[in-house]
């Protein structure tokens, strides 16, 4: 296999990664913004949560992975099965998988953006130098991250999917009227949601809410 190659689309992604992760003896680390960062990750998380035994896997997410109750439950079940799951308290380089410290796959952030057209793209590397550097960055992020249960019990703010959409609307610079129309809400409901979001984030202004959400990793970068 070439030391660096591009993968295009989910079919090619899974064709390359599945054989590497099927063995329970495989050691792999996984960095993701949430369960939408990788194709099929939500279904895989729930499948792994139901199966007996766990591979030697460490999974590092941003707090955005906890926005949905079903996703939170899937992560709790994975942790109960023996997976190591932590929540990062600092911004992450999204979309990294390292398998047995020999193979690394990175997502292309531009191809994963909501406005992107065409298939997602990924970079697959077998370069020892690149993998070693990425692994060291992962270890540093892992050490500073909080265990899933600890994070959930810490009282840190979490936002649901609807609040996340309001947060993105605030970041877009759209007027309240345009944002409410885009989200299918009345203007009054939208403004109430904004007020609730400011309270959840302990923010005195919309700008401060955006800054606070970025610090907590609640916004996609």
C-alpha atoms as a PDB file:
ATOM      1  CA  UNK A   1       0.000   0.000   0.000  1.00  0.00           C
ATOM      2  CA  UNK A   2       1.312   3.494  -0.787  1.00  0.00           C
ATOM      3  CA  UNK A   3       2.327   5.440   2.321  1.00  0.00           C
ATOM      4  CA  UNK A   4      -0.362   8.068   1.606  1.00  0.00           C
ATOM      5  CA  UNK A   5      -3.514   7.615  -0.466  1.00  0.00           C
ATOM      6  CA  UNK A   6      -6.907   9.281  -0.853  1.00  0.00           C
ATOM      7  CA  UNK A   7     -10.197   7.491  -0.227  1.00  0.00           C
ATOM      8  CA  UNK A   8     -13.373   8.817  -1.828  1.00  0.00           C
ATOM      9  CA  UNK A   9     -16.827   8.023  -0.480  1.00  0.00           C
ATOM     10  CA  UNK A  10     -18.185   5.679   2.160  1.00  0.00           C
ATOM     11  CA  UNK A  11     -17.815   2.489   0.116  1.00  0.00           C
ATOM     12  CA  UNK A  12     -14.084   2.962  -0.352  1.00  0.00           C
ATOM     13  CA  UNK A  13     -13.711   4.128   3.268  1.00  0.00           C
ATOM     14  CA  UNK A  14     -15.320   0.978   4.690  1.00  0.00           C
ATOM     15  CA  UNK A  15     -13.556  -1.312   2.236  1.00  0.00           C
ATOM     16  CA  UNK A  16     -10.237  -0.088   3.624  1.00  0.00           C
ATOM     17  CA  UNK A  17     -11.041   0.304   7.317  1.00  0.00           C
ATOM     18  CA  UNK A  18     -13.296  -2.674   8.063  1.00  0.00           C
ATOM     19  CA  UNK A  19     -10.661  -5.429   7.691  1.00  0.00           C
ATOM     20  CA  UNK A  20      -8.357  -3.448  10.004  1.00  0.00           C
ATOM     21  CA  UNK A  21     -10.889  -3.127  12.841  1.00  0.00           C
ATOM     22  CA  UNK A  22     -12.676  -6.491  12.790  1.00  0.00           C
ATOM     23  CA  UNK A  23     -10.229  -8.166  15.174  1.00  0.00           C
ATOM     24  CA  UNK A  24     -10.835  -7.670  18.893  1.00  0.00           C
ATOM     25  CA  UNK A  25      -7.048  -7.740  19.272  1.00  0.00           C
ATOM     26  CA  UNK A  26      -6.611  -4.573  17.232  1.00  0.00           C
ATOM     27  CA  UNK A  27      -5.509  -1.490  19.119  1.00  0.00           C
ATOM     28  CA  UNK A  28      -7.130   1.630  17.758  1.00  0.00           C
ATOM     29  CA  UNK A  29      -7.722   5.210  18.772  1.00  0.00           C
ATOM     30  CA  UNK A  30     -10.535   7.321  17.444  1.00  0.00           C
ATOM     31  CA  UNK A  31     -11.029  11.096  17.510  1.00  0.00           C
ATOM     32  CA  UNK A  32     -14.357  12.559  16.409  1.00  0.00           C
ATOM     33  CA  UNK A  33     -16.463  15.666  16.876  1.00  0.00           C
ATOM     34  CA  UNK A  34     -19.610  13.563  17.302  1.00  0.00           C
ATOM     35  CA  UNK A  35     -21.252  10.419  15.944  1.00  0.00           C
ATOM     36  CA  UNK A  36     -21.705  12.044  12.535  1.00  0.00           C
ATOM     37  CA  UNK A  37     -17.998  12.655  11.955  1.00  0.00           C
ATOM     38  CA  UNK A  38     -17.478   9.192  10.443  1.00  0.00           C
ATOM     39  CA  UNK A  39     -19.921   7.443   8.083  1.00  0.00           C
ATOM     40  CA  UNK A  40     -21.970   4.828   9.916  1.00  0.00           C
ATOM     41  CA  UNK A  41     -20.408   5.738  13.284  1.00  0.00           C
ATOM     42  CA  UNK A  42     -23.759   6.019  15.053  1.00  0.00           C
ATOM     43  CA  UNK A  43     -24.829   2.535  13.987  1.00  0.00           C
ATOM     44  CA  UNK A  44     -21.378   1.112  14.770  1.00  0.00           C
ATOM     45  CA  UNK A  45     -21.443   2.646  18.261  1.00  0.00           C
ATOM     46  CA  UNK A  46     -24.772   1.043  19.025  1.00  0.00           C
ATOM     47  CA  UNK A  47     -23.666  -2.283  17.553  1.00  0.00           C
ATOM     48  CA  UNK A  48     -20.499  -2.256  19.648  1.00  0.00           C
ATOM     49  CA  UNK A  49     -22.521  -1.315  22.722  1.00  0.00           C
ATOM     50  CA  UNK A  50     -24.608  -4.470  22.345  1.00  0.00           C
ATOM     51  CA  UNK A  51     -21.805  -6.934  21.704  1.00  0.00           C
ATOM     52  CA  UNK A  52     -19.903  -8.780  24.397  1.00  0.00           C
ATOM     53  CA  UNK A  53     -16.306  -7.857  24.996  1.00  0.00           C
ATOM     54  CA  UNK A  54     -14.485  -4.810  23.715  1.00  0.00           C
ATOM     55  CA  UNK A  55     -11.476  -4.283  21.496  1.00  0.00           C
ATOM     56  CA  UNK A  56      -8.537  -2.283  22.767  1.00  0.00           C
ATOM     57  CA  UNK A  57     -10.110   0.970  21.704  1.00  0.00           C
ATOM     58  CA  UNK A  58      -9.961   4.519  23.007  1.00  0.00           C
ATOM     59  CA  UNK A  59     -12.561   6.960  21.716  1.00  0.00           C
ATOM     60  CA  UNK A  60     -12.215  10.705  22.178  1.00  0.00           C
ATOM     61  CA  UNK A  61     -15.155  12.993  21.407  1.00  0.00           C
ATOM     62  CA  UNK A  62     -16.011  16.660  21.763  1.00  0.00           C
ATOM     63  CA  UNK A  63     -18.947  17.580  24.048  1.00  0.00           C
ATOM     64  CA  UNK A  64     -21.096  17.846  20.895  1.00  0.00           C
ATOM     65  CA  UNK A  65     -21.339  14.032  20.941  1.00  0.00           C
ATOM     66  CA  UNK A  66     -23.536  14.361  24.039  1.00  0.00           C
ATOM     67  CA  UNK A  67     -26.159  16.621  22.476  1.00  0.00           C
ATOM     68  CA  UNK A  68     -28.462  13.718  21.600  1.00  0.00           C
ATOM     69  CA  UNK A  69     -29.831  11.475  24.359  1.00  0.00           C
ATOM     70  CA  UNK A  70     -29.714   8.363  22.159  1.00  0.00           C
ATOM     71  CA  UNK A  71     -26.061   9.032  21.366  1.00  0.00           C
ATOM     72  CA  UNK A  72     -25.289   9.577  25.049  1.00  0.00           C
ATOM     73  CA  UNK A  73     -26.891   6.234  25.859  1.00  0.00           C
ATOM     74  CA  UNK A  74     -24.888   4.484  23.127  1.00  0.00           C
ATOM     75  CA  UNK A  75     -21.658   5.921  24.538  1.00  0.00           C
ATOM     76  CA  UNK A  76     -22.633   4.911  28.077  1.00  0.00           C
ATOM     77  CA  UNK A  77     -23.261   1.358  26.901  1.00  0.00           C
ATOM     78  CA  UNK A  78     -19.926   1.265  25.093  1.00  0.00           C
ATOM     79  CA  UNK A  79     -18.150   2.407  28.249  1.00  0.00           C
ATOM     80  CA  UNK A  80     -19.983  -0.272  30.233  1.00  0.00           C
ATOM     81  CA  UNK A  81     -18.727  -2.886  27.724  1.00  0.00           C
ATOM     82  CA  UNK A  82     -15.135  -1.897  28.340  1.00  0.00           C
ATOM     83  CA  UNK A  83     -14.475   0.747  25.696  1.00  0.00           C
ATOM     84  CA  UNK A  84     -12.515   3.724  26.978  1.00  0.00           C
ATOM     85  CA  UNK A  85     -14.528   6.850  26.174  1.00  0.00           C
ATOM     86  CA  UNK A  86     -13.433  10.364  27.072  1.00  0.00           C
ATOM     87  CA  UNK A  87     -14.732  13.846  26.315  1.00  0.00           C
ATOM     88  CA  UNK A  88     -12.196  16.471  25.281  1.00  0.00           C
ATOM     89  CA  UNK A  89     -12.090  19.740  27.170  1.00  0.00           C
ATOM     90  CA  UNK A  90     -10.118  21.445  24.379  1.00  0.00           C
ATOM     91  CA  UNK A  91     -10.745  21.732  20.623  1.00  0.00           C
ATOM     92  CA  UNK A  92      -9.926  18.589  18.643  1.00  0.00           C
ATOM     93  CA  UNK A  93      -8.494  17.902  15.226  1.00  0.00           C
ATOM     94  CA  UNK A  94     -11.620  16.217  13.911  1.00  0.00           C
ATOM     95  CA  UNK A  95     -11.765  12.812  12.351  1.00  0.00           C
ATOM     96  CA  UNK A  96      -8.686  10.718  13.091  1.00  0.00           C
ATOM     97  CA  UNK A  97      -8.426   6.941  13.391  1.00  0.00           C
ATOM     98  CA  UNK A  98      -5.128   5.183  14.159  1.00  0.00           C
ATOM     99  CA  UNK A  99      -5.064   1.382  14.036  1.00  0.00           C
ATOM    100  CA  UNK A 100      -2.248  -0.598  15.679  1.00  0.00           C
ATOM    101  CA  UNK A 101      -0.073   2.510  15.270  1.00  0.00           C
ATOM    102  CA  UNK A 102       0.514   1.404  11.674  1.00  0.00           C
ATOM    103  CA  UNK A 103      -2.416   2.852   9.740  1.00  0.00           C
ATOM    104  CA  UNK A 104      -4.069   6.262  10.072  1.00  0.00           C
ATOM    105  CA  UNK A 105      -7.155   7.690   8.379  1.00  0.00           C
ATOM    106  CA  UNK A 106      -8.029  11.391   8.482  1.00  0.00           C
ATOM    107  CA  UNK A 107     -11.251  13.016   7.335  1.00  0.00           C
ATOM    108  CA  UNK A 108     -11.148  15.955   4.954  1.00  0.00           C
ATOM    109  CA  UNK A 109     -12.993  18.671   6.952  1.00  0.00           C
ATOM    110  CA  UNK A 110     -14.043  20.516   3.787  1.00  0.00           C
ATOM    111  CA  UNK A 111     -15.752  17.433   2.359  1.00  0.00           C
ATOM    112  CA  UNK A 112     -17.628  16.876   5.653  1.00  0.00           C
ATOM    113  CA  UNK A 113     -18.999  20.412   5.911  1.00  0.00           C
ATOM    114  CA  UNK A 114     -22.799  20.763   5.643  1.00  0.00           C
ATOM    115  CA  UNK A 115     -22.488  22.771   2.404  1.00  0.00           C
ATOM    116  CA  UNK A 116     -20.051  20.336   0.778  1.00  0.00           C
ATOM    117  CA  UNK A 117     -21.021  18.616  -2.462  1.00  0.00           C
ATOM    118  CA  UNK A 118     -19.859  15.234  -3.620  1.00  0.00           C
ATOM    119  CA  UNK A 119     -18.565  12.291  -1.578  1.00  0.00           C
ATOM    120  CA  UNK A 120     -16.590  12.681   1.613  1.00  0.00           C
ATOM    121  CA  UNK A 121     -12.860  12.217   1.176  1.00  0.00           C
ATOM    122  CA  UNK A 122     -10.263  10.760   3.527  1.00  0.00           C
ATOM    123  CA  UNK A 123      -6.495  10.465   3.647  1.00  0.00           C
ATOM    124  CA  UNK A 124      -5.102   7.044   4.532  1.00  0.00           C
ATOM    125  CA  UNK A 125      -1.483   6.939   5.623  1.00  0.00           C
ATOM    126  CA  UNK A 126       1.053   4.280   6.557  1.00  0.00           C
ATOM    127  CA  UNK A 127       3.846   6.806   7.111  1.00  0.00           C
ATOM    128  CA  UNK A 128       5.502   6.052  10.485  1.00  0.00           C
ATOM    129  CA  UNK A 129       6.491   9.698  10.918  1.00  0.00           C
ATOM    130  CA  UNK A 130       2.987  11.048  10.323  1.00  0.00           C
ATOM    131  CA  UNK A 131       1.375   8.377  12.494  1.00  0.00           C
ATOM    132  CA  UNK A 132       3.833   8.911  15.334  1.00  0.00           C
ATOM    133  CA  UNK A 133       3.135  12.660  15.349  1.00  0.00           C
ATOM    134  CA  UNK A 134      -0.635  12.165  15.279  1.00  0.00           C
ATOM    135  CA  UNK A 135      -0.453   9.544  18.016  1.00  0.00           C
ATOM    136  CA  UNK A 136       1.514  11.881  20.267  1.00  0.00           C
ATOM    137  CA  UNK A 137      -1.091  14.618  19.746  1.00  0.00           C
ATOM    138  CA  UNK A 138      -3.831  12.125  20.563  1.00  0.00           C
ATOM    139  CA  UNK A 139      -2.078  11.070  23.787  1.00  0.00           C
ATOM    140  CA  UNK A 140      -1.793  14.690  24.905  1.00  0.00           C
ATOM    141  CA  UNK A 141      -5.493  15.328  24.207  1.00  0.00           C
ATOM    142  CA  UNK A 142      -6.453  12.058  25.889  1.00  0.00           C
ATOM    143  CA  UNK A 143      -4.561  12.907  29.078  1.00  0.00           C
ATOM    144  CA  UNK A 144      -6.347  16.245  29.421  1.00  0.00           C
ATOM    145  CA  UNK A 145      -9.802  14.839  28.577  1.00  0.00           C
ATOM    146  CA  UNK A 146     -12.457  13.782  31.076  1.00  0.00           C
ATOM    147  CA  UNK A 147     -13.819  10.276  31.460  1.00  0.00           C
ATOM    148  CA  UNK A 148     -17.342  10.033  30.010  1.00  0.00           C
ATOM    149  CA  UNK A 149     -19.048   9.405  33.367  1.00  0.00           C
ATOM    150  CA  UNK A 150     -17.049  12.172  35.039  1.00  0.00           C
ATOM    151  CA  UNK A 151     -17.944  14.643  32.315  1.00  0.00           C
ATOM    152  CA  UNK A 152     -21.643  13.753  32.445  1.00  0.00           C
ATOM    153  CA  UNK A 153     -21.647  14.246  36.224  1.00  0.00           C
ATOM    154  CA  UNK A 154     -19.661  17.478  36.154  1.00  0.00           C
ATOM    155  CA  UNK A 155     -22.537  19.825  35.421  1.00  0.00           C
ATOM    156  CA  UNK A 156     -20.894  21.126  32.242  1.00  0.00           C
ATOM    157  CA  UNK A 157     -23.470  22.567  29.839  1.00  0.00           C
ATOM    158  CA  UNK A 158     -24.896  20.255  27.183  1.00  0.00           C
ATOM    159  CA  UNK A 159     -27.173  21.307  24.371  1.00  0.00           C
ATOM    160  CA  UNK A 160     -29.726  19.284  22.459  1.00  0.00           C
ATOM    161  CA  UNK A 161     -30.036  19.120  18.680  1.00  0.00           C
ATOM    162  CA  UNK A 162     -32.534  21.989  18.461  1.00  0.00           C
ATOM    163  CA  UNK A 163     -30.329  24.241  20.595  1.00  0.00           C
ATOM    164  CA  UNK A 164     -27.347  23.308  18.426  1.00  0.00           C
ATOM    165  CA  UNK A 165     -29.248  24.507  15.343  1.00  0.00           C
ATOM    166  CA  UNK A 166     -30.033  27.800  17.087  1.00  0.00           C
ATOM    167  CA  UNK A 167     -26.360  28.137  17.995  1.00  0.00           C
ATOM    168  CA  UNK A 168     -25.341  27.617  14.370  1.00  0.00           C
ATOM    169  CA  UNK A 169     -27.916  30.189  13.294  1.00  0.00           C
ATOM    170  CA  UNK A 170     -26.409  32.694  15.717  1.00  0.00           C
ATOM    171  CA  UNK A 171     -22.971  32.029  14.273  1.00  0.00           C
ATOM    172  CA  UNK A 172     -24.211  32.517  10.711  1.00  0.00           C
ATOM    173  CA  UNK A 173     -25.026  36.169  11.304  1.00  0.00           C
ATOM    174  CA  UNK A 174     -28.607  35.736  10.059  1.00  0.00           C
ATOM    175  CA  UNK A 175     -31.282  38.041  11.400  1.00  0.00           C
ATOM    176  CA  UNK A 176     -33.672  36.620  13.976  1.00  0.00           C
ATOM    177  CA  UNK A 177     -36.450  36.677  11.396  1.00  0.00           C
ATOM    178  CA  UNK A 178     -34.399  34.787   8.792  1.00  0.00           C
ATOM    179  CA  UNK A 179     -33.091  32.270  11.346  1.00  0.00           C
ATOM    180  CA  UNK A 180     -36.567  31.586  12.718  1.00  0.00           C
ATOM    181  CA  UNK A 181     -37.905  31.057   9.201  1.00  0.00           C
ATOM    182  CA  UNK A 182     -35.018  28.720   8.313  1.00  0.00           C
ATOM    183  CA  UNK A 183     -35.580  26.645  11.472  1.00  0.00           C
ATOM    184  CA  UNK A 184     -39.359  26.550  11.048  1.00  0.00           C
ATOM    185  CA  UNK A 185     -40.038  28.437  14.292  1.00  0.00           C
ATOM    186  CA  UNK A 186     -42.032  31.483  15.144  1.00  0.00           C
ATOM    187  CA  UNK A 187     -39.927  34.564  15.904  1.00  0.00           C
ATOM    188  CA  UNK A 188     -41.075  34.428  19.512  1.00  0.00           C
ATOM    189  CA  UNK A 189     -40.029  30.771  19.877  1.00  0.00           C
ATOM    190  CA  UNK A 190     -36.653  31.429  18.273  1.00  0.00           C
ATOM    191  CA  UNK A 191     -35.904  34.298  20.643  1.00  0.00           C
ATOM    192  CA  UNK A 192     -36.977  32.173  23.604  1.00  0.00           C
ATOM    193  CA  UNK A 193     -34.601  29.445  22.427  1.00  0.00           C
ATOM    194  CA  UNK A 194     -31.803  31.996  22.181  1.00  0.00           C
ATOM    195  CA  UNK A 195     -32.490  33.155  25.745  1.00  0.00           C
ATOM    196  CA  UNK A 196     -32.453  29.537  26.988  1.00  0.00           C
ATOM    197  CA  UNK A 197     -29.163  28.948  25.185  1.00  0.00           C
ATOM    198  CA  UNK A 198     -27.572  32.003  26.817  1.00  0.00           C
ATOM    199  CA  UNK A 199     -28.660  30.692  30.195  1.00  0.00           C
ATOM    200  CA  UNK A 200     -27.331  27.182  29.521  1.00  0.00           C
ATOM    201  CA  UNK A 201     -23.949  28.593  28.489  1.00  0.00           C
ATOM    202  CA  UNK A 202     -23.871  31.184  31.287  1.00  0.00           C
ATOM    203  CA  UNK A 203     -23.363  33.865  28.644  1.00  0.00           C
ATOM    204  CA  UNK A 204     -24.305  37.520  28.921  1.00  0.00           C
ATOM    205  CA  UNK A 205     -24.530  38.087  25.165  1.00  0.00           C
ATOM    206  CA  UNK A 206     -24.911  36.212  21.907  1.00  0.00           C
ATOM    207  CA  UNK A 207     -21.271  36.833  21.084  1.00  0.00           C
ATOM    208  CA  UNK A 208     -20.199  35.443  24.447  1.00  0.00           C
ATOM    209  CA  UNK A 209     -22.406  32.403  23.869  1.00  0.00           C
ATOM    210  CA  UNK A 210     -20.576  31.711  20.614  1.00  0.00           C
ATOM    211  CA  UNK A 211     -17.185  32.038  22.299  1.00  0.00           C
ATOM    212  CA  UNK A 212     -18.259  29.818  25.193  1.00  0.00           C
ATOM    213  CA  UNK A 213     -19.670  27.177  22.848  1.00  0.00           C
ATOM    214  CA  UNK A 214     -16.410  27.164  20.876  1.00  0.00           C
ATOM    215  CA  UNK A 215     -14.381  26.713  24.065  1.00  0.00           C
ATOM    216  CA  UNK A 216     -16.513  23.712  25.005  1.00  0.00           C
ATOM    217  CA  UNK A 217     -16.307  22.170  21.543  1.00  0.00           C
ATOM    218  CA  UNK A 218     -20.049  22.508  20.979  1.00  0.00           C
ATOM    219  CA  UNK A 219     -19.664  24.044  17.545  1.00  0.00           C
ATOM    220  CA  UNK A 220     -18.314  22.198  14.503  1.00  0.00           C
ATOM    221  CA  UNK A 221     -15.049  23.653  13.302  1.00  0.00           C
END
